[in-house]
Amino acid sequence: MTPPADRALFELPRAGVLGRAALIAASWTLVGLLSIGQHSLSAYAPPLEWIYVVRTMWSVWMWAAFTPFILHLAARFPVEPGVWRRRLLVHVALAVGFHLADVGIDAVLTIPIPWLADDFRTRLVSELFINVFSYAATVAVGQALAYYGLFHDRRVRAARLEAELAAARLAALELQLRPHFLFNSLHTIAALIRTGERDLAVRTVAEIGDILRTLLRGGVHHEVTLREELELTRRYLRIEELRFHDRLRTRVEVEPDALDGMVPRLVLQPLVENAVRHGVEQVGAGEVQVTARVSGDMLIVRVIDSAADGDRAPSNGIGIALANCRERLQSLHGAAFRLERTASAAGTTVELAVPYHLTPRVLPSVSHG
């Protein structure tokens, strides 16, 4: 791909025109100082004289003035497959042109300074190699900067696309839970109506309306505080308590520090819903307990129901909820999370552990470098 015409020049550090000019001048000044240092340390060179220092710095600063134009030409005529022969010829001609410009400008500017002047024809021959080399080195730097800029732009676009895809995936997983919640809520209302508990059905509709408003409101982040997630879960449990009456007991025990920890939005309610559906409803009565604490750098949340493993009927609902939560956790935290379900005669526990943090996590972008 051909770099934009001004890519090479303007991929220099983005400190404005003055900043780029200062960088170019500093780079060529360093070249001049290295040349002077090499001359002074050489055992075969004549003793260093101040006129040599002046001529060297004069020359490198002239090339510093040429550099923006050379960088522009390097981007305008990049050497790349398919056209490299023609482009090389173009750059050879340009190199000779800058060599002539260097010698010519120097000859004109040194007219008032006889002690700096040198024979024009002698300089045309003696400085041909170093000037062509300087041009070629500057073009090479320009090409490198141009392609580095393209590489960087592609990485930025790839990172942005990956983050957008991750956000879309998380949104889709959240949307997958909302119809599931609505279906189960309508099932609860229907059950109350069938048993003649119309007042409870009306109260349940109101509670469901509040929950749905919260779900639809969403937000720009895919994480909320555990305090917000618990509020949504409590509303859901109130609905189930209306239906089950005294057959459902609930308990929430959360350490104060844990309330401000961030968790994926709508991660707790499906786990509690599974505990109610498969750990209480199938058995007829029972308890659902939610606990949360901070342990080291991890926020640990447990959902526990009292139904023995042998009393539970086989169901795919638990696996679906856990798989959905696991996918969202992986999108947000990579491998830095834990989601486990353990069942025993005393009941079933689902444990969720995520890194403890107080601000919404930015979706991971390109992670390789």
Protein backbone atom coordinates (compact mmCIF):
# COMPACT_ATOMS: atom_id res chain seq x y z
CA MET A 1 0.00 0.00 0.00
CA THR A 2 1.34 3.43 -0.91
CA PRO A 3 1.70 5.73 2.08
CA PRO A 4 -0.14 9.06 1.95
CA ALA A 5 1.91 11.84 0.41
CA ASP A 6 2.71 13.47 3.74
CA ARG A 7 2.77 10.34 5.88
CA ALA A 8 6.53 10.21 6.42
CA LEU A 9 6.91 13.79 7.58
CA PHE A 10 3.86 13.88 9.76
CA GLU A 11 4.46 10.54 11.46
CA LEU A 12 7.30 12.23 13.34
CA PRO A 13 6.33 12.75 17.01
CA ARG A 14 3.14 14.77 17.03
CA ALA A 15 4.40 17.90 18.75
CA GLY A 16 3.40 20.33 16.02
CA VAL A 17 5.47 21.83 13.23
CA LEU A 18 7.96 23.45 15.60
CA GLY A 19 8.42 20.20 17.48
CA ARG A 20 9.10 18.25 14.30
CA ALA A 21 11.50 20.94 13.06
CA ALA A 22 13.34 20.82 16.39
CA LEU A 23 13.63 17.04 16.16
CA ILE A 24 15.07 17.22 12.64
CA ALA A 25 17.55 19.92 13.64
CA ALA A 26 18.61 17.97 16.73
CA SER A 27 19.08 14.79 14.72
CA TRP A 28 21.33 16.44 12.15
CA THR A 29 23.22 18.30 14.89
CA LEU A 30 23.94 14.94 16.49
CA VAL A 31 25.22 13.64 13.14
CA GLY A 32 27.54 16.64 12.89
CA LEU A 33 28.84 16.19 16.43
CA LEU A 34 29.48 12.50 15.84
CA SER A 35 31.41 13.35 12.68
CA ILE A 36 33.51 15.91 14.55
CA GLY A 37 34.10 13.44 17.37
CA GLN A 38 35.17 10.71 14.95
CA HIS A 39 37.58 13.13 13.26
CA SER A 40 39.12 14.22 16.55
CA LEU A 41 39.63 10.63 17.72
CA SER A 42 41.09 9.34 14.47
CA ALA A 43 44.84 8.70 14.62
CA TYR A 44 45.22 9.40 10.90
CA ALA A 45 43.19 12.62 10.61
CA PRO A 46 44.88 16.01 10.80
CA PRO A 47 44.46 17.97 14.05
CA LEU A 48 40.94 19.26 14.59
CA GLU A 49 40.59 22.90 13.58
CA TRP A 50 37.68 25.20 14.29
CA ILE A 51 37.13 25.81 10.58
CA TYR A 52 36.41 22.08 10.17
CA VAL A 53 33.82 22.30 12.98
CA VAL A 54 32.15 25.31 11.33
CA ARG A 55 32.05 23.70 7.88
CA THR A 56 30.69 20.42 9.30
CA MET A 57 27.90 22.05 11.28
CA TRP A 58 27.11 24.38 8.35
CA SER A 59 26.68 21.33 6.12
CA VAL A 60 24.51 19.26 8.48
CA TRP A 61 22.22 22.20 9.20
CA MET A 62 21.74 22.73 5.48
CA TRP A 63 20.68 19.09 5.22
CA ALA A 64 18.37 19.64 8.16
CA ALA A 65 16.67 22.31 6.02
CA PHE A 66 16.48 19.83 3.11
CA THR A 67 15.02 17.02 5.26
CA PRO A 68 11.30 18.03 5.27
CA PHE A 69 11.35 18.16 1.46
CA ILE A 70 13.18 14.82 1.21
CA LEU A 71 10.71 13.18 3.59
CA HIS A 72 7.84 14.48 1.51
CA LEU A 73 9.45 13.08 -1.65
CA ALA A 74 10.10 9.76 0.10
CA ALA A 75 6.38 9.45 0.77
CA ARG A 76 5.45 10.77 -2.67
CA PHE A 77 7.68 8.24 -4.46
CA PRO A 78 7.94 5.19 -2.19
CA VAL A 79 10.18 2.34 -3.32
CA GLU A 80 7.85 -0.66 -3.37
CA PRO A 81 7.25 -3.84 -5.41
CA GLY A 82 6.16 -3.31 -8.99
CA VAL A 83 7.59 0.18 -9.40
CA TRP A 84 10.85 0.01 -7.47
CA ARG A 85 13.08 0.30 -10.56
CA ARG A 86 11.41 3.50 -11.76
CA ARG A 87 11.32 4.90 -8.24
CA LEU A 88 15.02 4.18 -7.73
CA LEU A 89 15.82 6.12 -10.88
CA VAL A 90 13.66 8.99 -9.61
CA HIS A 91 15.51 9.02 -6.29
CA VAL A 92 18.91 8.82 -7.96
CA ALA A 93 18.00 11.92 -9.97
CA LEU A 94 16.69 13.64 -6.84
CA ALA A 95 19.82 12.72 -4.89
CA VAL A 96 22.01 14.30 -7.57
CA GLY A 97 19.71 17.33 -7.54
CA PHE A 98 20.06 17.79 -3.78
CA HIS A 99 23.82 17.31 -4.12
CA LEU A 100 23.96 20.11 -6.68
CA ALA A 101 21.70 22.25 -4.48
CA ASP A 102 23.96 21.65 -1.47
CA VAL A 103 27.14 22.60 -3.30
CA GLY A 104 25.48 25.51 -5.15
CA ILE A 105 23.81 27.04 -2.09
CA ASP A 106 27.03 26.65 -0.12
CA ALA A 107 29.02 28.36 -2.84
CA VAL A 108 26.60 31.31 -2.97
CA LEU A 109 26.29 31.73 0.81
CA THR A 110 30.05 31.59 1.37
CA ILE A 111 30.86 34.35 -1.13
CA PRO A 112 30.88 36.95 1.66
CA ILE A 113 32.96 34.58 3.80
CA PRO A 114 36.11 33.79 1.78
CA TRP A 115 37.70 31.64 4.49
CA LEU A 116 34.72 29.24 4.31
CA ALA A 117 34.61 29.10 0.51
CA ASP A 118 36.05 26.14 -1.38
CA ASP A 119 36.61 25.27 -5.01
CA PHE A 120 33.19 24.55 -6.56
CA ARG A 121 34.38 21.79 -8.94
CA THR A 122 36.39 20.11 -6.21
CA ARG A 123 33.35 19.98 -3.93
CA LEU A 124 31.13 18.62 -6.73
CA VAL A 125 33.37 15.56 -6.86
CA SER A 126 34.50 15.20 -3.25
CA GLU A 127 31.04 15.56 -1.67
CA LEU A 128 29.07 13.52 -4.19
CA PHE A 129 29.22 10.29 -2.19
CA ILE A 130 28.40 11.76 1.22
CA ASN A 131 25.53 13.85 -0.16
CA VAL A 132 23.99 10.93 -2.07
CA PHE A 133 24.42 8.78 1.03
CA SER A 134 22.74 11.46 3.20
CA TYR A 135 19.82 11.65 0.78
CA ALA A 136 19.46 7.83 0.70
CA ALA A 137 19.59 7.60 4.51
CA THR A 138 16.93 10.29 4.88
CA VAL A 139 14.69 8.55 2.34
CA ALA A 140 15.13 5.26 4.22
CA VAL A 141 14.12 6.93 7.48
CA GLY A 142 11.12 8.48 5.72
CA GLN A 143 10.03 5.10 4.33
CA ALA A 144 10.41 3.49 7.75
CA LEU A 145 8.36 6.21 9.43
CA ALA A 146 5.69 5.99 6.75
CA TYR A 147 5.22 2.25 7.09
CA TYR A 148 5.42 2.38 10.85
CA GLY A 149 2.59 4.93 10.73
CA LEU A 150 0.49 2.61 8.56
CA PHE A 151 1.25 -0.32 10.86
CA HIS A 152 0.25 1.75 13.90
CA ASP A 153 -2.98 2.91 12.23
CA ARG A 154 -3.93 -0.66 11.40
CA ARG A 155 -3.29 -1.77 14.97
CA VAL A 156 -5.45 1.07 16.29
CA ARG A 157 -8.27 0.15 13.89
CA ALA A 158 -7.93 -3.55 14.78
CA ALA A 159 -8.01 -2.75 18.50
CA ARG A 160 -11.09 -0.57 18.06
CA LEU A 161 -12.85 -3.24 16.00
CA GLU A 162 -12.00 -5.95 18.54
CA ALA A 163 -13.35 -3.83 21.39
CA GLU A 164 -16.54 -3.11 19.42
CA LEU A 165 -17.01 -6.81 18.68
CA ALA A 166 -16.48 -7.67 22.35
CA ALA A 167 -19.03 -5.03 23.36
CA ALA A 168 -21.53 -6.35 20.83
CA ARG A 169 -20.97 -9.90 22.08
CA LEU A 170 -21.53 -8.85 25.68
CA ALA A 171 -24.66 -6.93 24.72
CA ALA A 172 -26.00 -9.97 22.86
CA LEU A 173 -25.36 -12.19 25.89
CA GLU A 174 -27.18 -9.73 28.14
CA LEU A 175 -30.10 -9.54 25.72
CA GLN A 176 -30.25 -13.34 25.75
CA LEU A 177 -31.01 -13.21 29.48
CA ARG A 178 -33.74 -10.57 29.31
CA PRO A 179 -36.33 -12.60 27.35
CA HIS A 180 -35.49 -15.55 29.61
CA PHE A 181 -36.25 -13.45 32.68
CA LEU A 182 -39.42 -12.06 31.11
CA PHE A 183 -40.66 -15.55 30.19
CA ASN A 184 -40.18 -16.83 33.73
CA SER A 185 -41.82 -13.70 35.16
CA LEU A 186 -44.88 -14.18 32.97
CA HIS A 187 -44.97 -17.80 34.12
CA THR A 188 -45.03 -16.57 37.74
CA ILE A 189 -47.89 -14.15 37.00
CA ALA A 190 -49.86 -16.87 35.23
CA ALA A 191 -49.40 -19.20 38.19
CA LEU A 192 -50.71 -16.55 40.60
CA ILE A 193 -53.73 -15.87 38.41
CA ARG A 194 -54.54 -19.58 38.12
CA THR A 195 -54.55 -19.90 41.91
CA GLY A 196 -56.80 -16.86 42.26
CA GLU A 197 -54.19 -14.64 43.87
CA ARG A 198 -55.01 -11.64 41.72
CA ASP A 199 -53.75 -9.00 44.20
CA LEU A 200 -50.41 -10.74 44.34
CA ALA A 201 -50.39 -10.94 40.55
CA VAL A 202 -50.88 -7.16 40.32
CA ARG A 203 -48.07 -6.54 42.82
CA THR A 204 -45.87 -8.93 40.86
CA VAL A 205 -46.57 -7.04 37.62
CA ALA A 206 -45.50 -3.81 39.32
CA GLU A 207 -42.28 -5.41 40.60
CA ILE A 208 -41.54 -6.86 37.17
CA GLY A 209 -42.14 -3.44 35.61
CA ASP A 210 -39.52 -1.91 37.91
CA ILE A 211 -37.03 -4.65 37.04
CA LEU A 212 -37.63 -4.33 33.32
CA ARG A 213 -37.12 -0.55 33.48
CA THR A 214 -33.78 -1.18 35.16
CA LEU A 215 -32.79 -3.77 32.56
CA LEU A 216 -33.82 -1.62 29.61
CA ARG A 217 -32.08 1.44 31.00
CA GLY A 218 -28.75 -0.39 30.85
CA GLY A 219 -25.74 1.90 30.56
CA VAL A 220 -22.55 2.55 28.67
CA HIS A 221 -20.62 0.02 30.76
CA HIS A 222 -21.02 -3.73 31.02
CA GLU A 223 -20.28 -3.69 34.74
CA VAL A 224 -22.17 -2.31 37.71
CA THR A 225 -21.47 -2.26 41.43
CA LEU A 226 -22.48 -5.31 43.43
CA ARG A 227 -24.80 -2.95 45.33
CA GLU A 228 -26.78 -2.26 42.11
CA GLU A 229 -26.79 -5.93 41.13
CA LEU A 230 -28.04 -6.91 44.58
CA GLU A 231 -30.85 -4.37 44.37
CA LEU A 232 -32.03 -5.98 41.13
CA THR A 233 -31.71 -9.44 42.72
CA ARG A 234 -33.69 -8.38 45.80
CA ARG A 235 -36.50 -7.16 43.56
CA TYR A 236 -36.54 -10.51 41.82
CA LEU A 237 -36.58 -12.37 45.15
CA ARG A 238 -39.53 -10.26 46.31
CA ILE A 239 -41.46 -11.50 43.28
CA GLU A 240 -40.66 -15.10 44.10
CA GLU A 241 -41.50 -14.59 47.78
CA LEU A 242 -44.95 -13.34 46.73
CA ARG A 243 -45.48 -16.57 44.82
CA PHE A 244 -43.97 -19.04 47.26
CA HIS A 245 -45.19 -17.30 50.44
CA ASP A 246 -43.43 -18.84 53.44
CA ARG A 247 -42.08 -21.77 51.43
CA LEU A 248 -39.17 -19.65 50.19
CA ARG A 249 -36.69 -18.23 52.66
CA THR A 250 -34.01 -15.82 51.47
CA ARG A 251 -30.90 -14.49 53.14
CA VAL A 252 -28.38 -11.93 51.87
CA GLU A 253 -25.09 -11.48 53.72
CA VAL A 254 -22.65 -9.04 52.11
CA GLU A 255 -19.55 -7.44 53.59
CA PRO A 256 -19.57 -3.61 53.27
CA ASP A 257 -16.37 -3.51 51.17
CA ALA A 258 -17.88 -5.93 48.66
CA LEU A 259 -20.80 -3.62 47.83
CA ASP A 260 -18.62 -1.23 45.81
CA GLY A 261 -16.92 -3.99 43.79
CA MET A 262 -17.77 -4.21 40.10
CA VAL A 263 -19.52 -7.24 38.58
CA PRO A 264 -20.98 -7.87 35.12
CA ARG A 265 -24.45 -6.45 34.74
CA LEU A 266 -27.18 -9.09 35.20
CA VAL A 267 -24.75 -11.77 36.39
CA LEU A 268 -26.30 -12.48 39.80
CA GLN A 269 -30.02 -12.61 39.02
CA PRO A 270 -29.79 -15.63 36.65
CA LEU A 271 -27.80 -17.56 39.27
CA VAL A 272 -30.39 -16.75 41.96
CA GLU A 273 -33.19 -17.60 39.55
CA ASN A 274 -31.63 -21.02 38.95
CA ALA A 275 -31.38 -21.55 42.69
CA VAL A 276 -35.09 -20.76 43.06
CA ARG A 277 -36.28 -22.75 40.05
CA HIS A 278 -34.15 -25.85 40.47
CA GLY A 279 -33.33 -25.76 44.17
CA VAL A 280 -36.62 -24.64 45.70
CA GLU A 281 -39.50 -24.95 43.24
CA GLN A 282 -38.73 -28.55 42.34
CA VAL A 283 -38.42 -29.51 46.01
CA GLY A 284 -41.41 -27.45 47.14
CA ALA A 285 -39.69 -25.33 49.80
CA GLY A 286 -36.23 -24.23 50.77
CA GLU A 287 -33.77 -21.43 51.31
CA VAL A 288 -31.68 -19.34 48.92
CA GLN A 289 -28.69 -17.56 50.37
CA VAL A 290 -26.47 -14.92 48.72
CA THR A 291 -23.12 -14.03 50.29
CA ALA A 292 -20.34 -11.74 49.13
CA ARG A 293 -16.93 -10.85 50.52
CA VAL A 294 -13.57 -9.53 49.45
CA SER A 295 -10.68 -11.96 49.74
CA GLY A 296 -7.30 -10.51 48.80
CA ASP A 297 -7.73 -8.99 45.36
CA MET A 298 -10.83 -11.04 44.51
CA LEU A 299 -14.52 -10.37 45.03
CA ILE A 300 -16.24 -13.66 45.88
CA VAL A 301 -20.01 -14.08 45.54
CA ARG A 302 -21.85 -17.29 46.44
CA VAL A 303 -25.42 -18.33 45.67
CA ILE A 304 -26.49 -21.26 47.82
CA ASP A 305 -29.72 -23.22 47.82
CA SER A 306 -30.76 -25.84 50.35
CA ALA A 307 -31.89 -28.58 47.97
CA ALA A 308 -29.85 -31.77 48.11
CA ASP A 309 -28.34 -32.78 44.80
CA GLY A 310 -30.39 -35.95 44.61
CA ASP A 311 -33.65 -34.03 45.00
CA ARG A 312 -33.11 -31.87 41.94
CA ALA A 313 -34.62 -32.85 38.60
CA PRO A 314 -32.24 -32.75 35.60
CA SER A 315 -32.46 -29.44 33.75
CA ASN A 316 -30.53 -27.57 31.10
CA GLY A 317 -31.37 -24.22 32.66
CA ILE A 318 -28.45 -24.30 35.09
CA GLY A 319 -25.96 -25.06 32.35
CA ILE A 320 -27.30 -22.29 30.11
CA ALA A 321 -27.09 -19.66 32.85
CA LEU A 322 -23.58 -20.70 33.88
CA ALA A 323 -22.38 -20.81 30.26
CA ASN A 324 -23.80 -17.35 29.59
CA CYS A 325 -22.17 -15.91 32.71
CA ARG A 326 -18.89 -17.65 31.94
CA GLU A 327 -18.76 -16.19 28.41
CA ARG A 328 -19.36 -12.66 29.66
CA LEU A 329 -16.79 -13.05 32.44
CA GLN A 330 -14.23 -14.31 29.95
CA SER A 331 -14.87 -11.33 27.66
CA LEU A 332 -14.28 -8.93 30.56
CA HIS A 333 -11.56 -10.69 32.55
CA GLY A 334 -9.89 -13.22 30.28
CA ALA A 335 -8.82 -16.10 32.54
CA ALA A 336 -8.79 -14.01 35.73
CA PHE A 337 -12.10 -15.25 37.12
CA ARG A 338 -13.70 -18.36 38.63
CA LEU A 339 -17.23 -19.69 38.25
CA GLU A 340 -17.87 -23.06 39.87
CA ARG A 341 -20.89 -25.10 40.85
CA THR A 342 -20.65 -27.71 43.59
CA ALA A 343 -23.51 -29.94 44.72
CA SER A 344 -23.82 -32.10 47.82
CA ALA A 345 -26.40 -33.52 50.16
CA ALA A 346 -26.45 -30.19 52.01
CA GLY A 347 -27.30 -28.15 48.93
CA THR A 348 -25.83 -26.55 45.82
CA THR A 349 -23.39 -23.66 45.73
CA VAL A 350 -22.43 -21.52 42.77
CA GLU A 351 -19.30 -19.48 43.48
CA LEU A 352 -18.31 -16.49 41.40
CA ALA A 353 -14.90 -14.86 41.90
CA VAL A 354 -13.76 -11.80 39.91
CA PRO A 355 -10.91 -9.32 40.39
CA TYR A 356 -11.93 -6.72 42.94
CA HIS A 357 -12.03 -3.30 41.28
CA LEU A 358 -14.04 -0.13 41.83
CA THR A 359 -14.36 1.26 38.30
CA PRO A 360 -15.88 -0.40 35.20
CA ARG A 361 -13.30 -2.43 33.34
CA VAL A 362 -12.39 -1.32 29.82
CA LEU A 363 -12.97 -4.05 27.28
CA PRO A 364 -9.63 -5.70 26.37
CA SER A 365 -8.36 -4.81 22.93
CA VAL A 366 -5.43 -6.23 21.06
CA SER A 367 -3.49 -8.07 23.73
CA HIS A 368 -0.43 -9.18 21.79
CA GLY A 369 1.92 -6.28 22.17
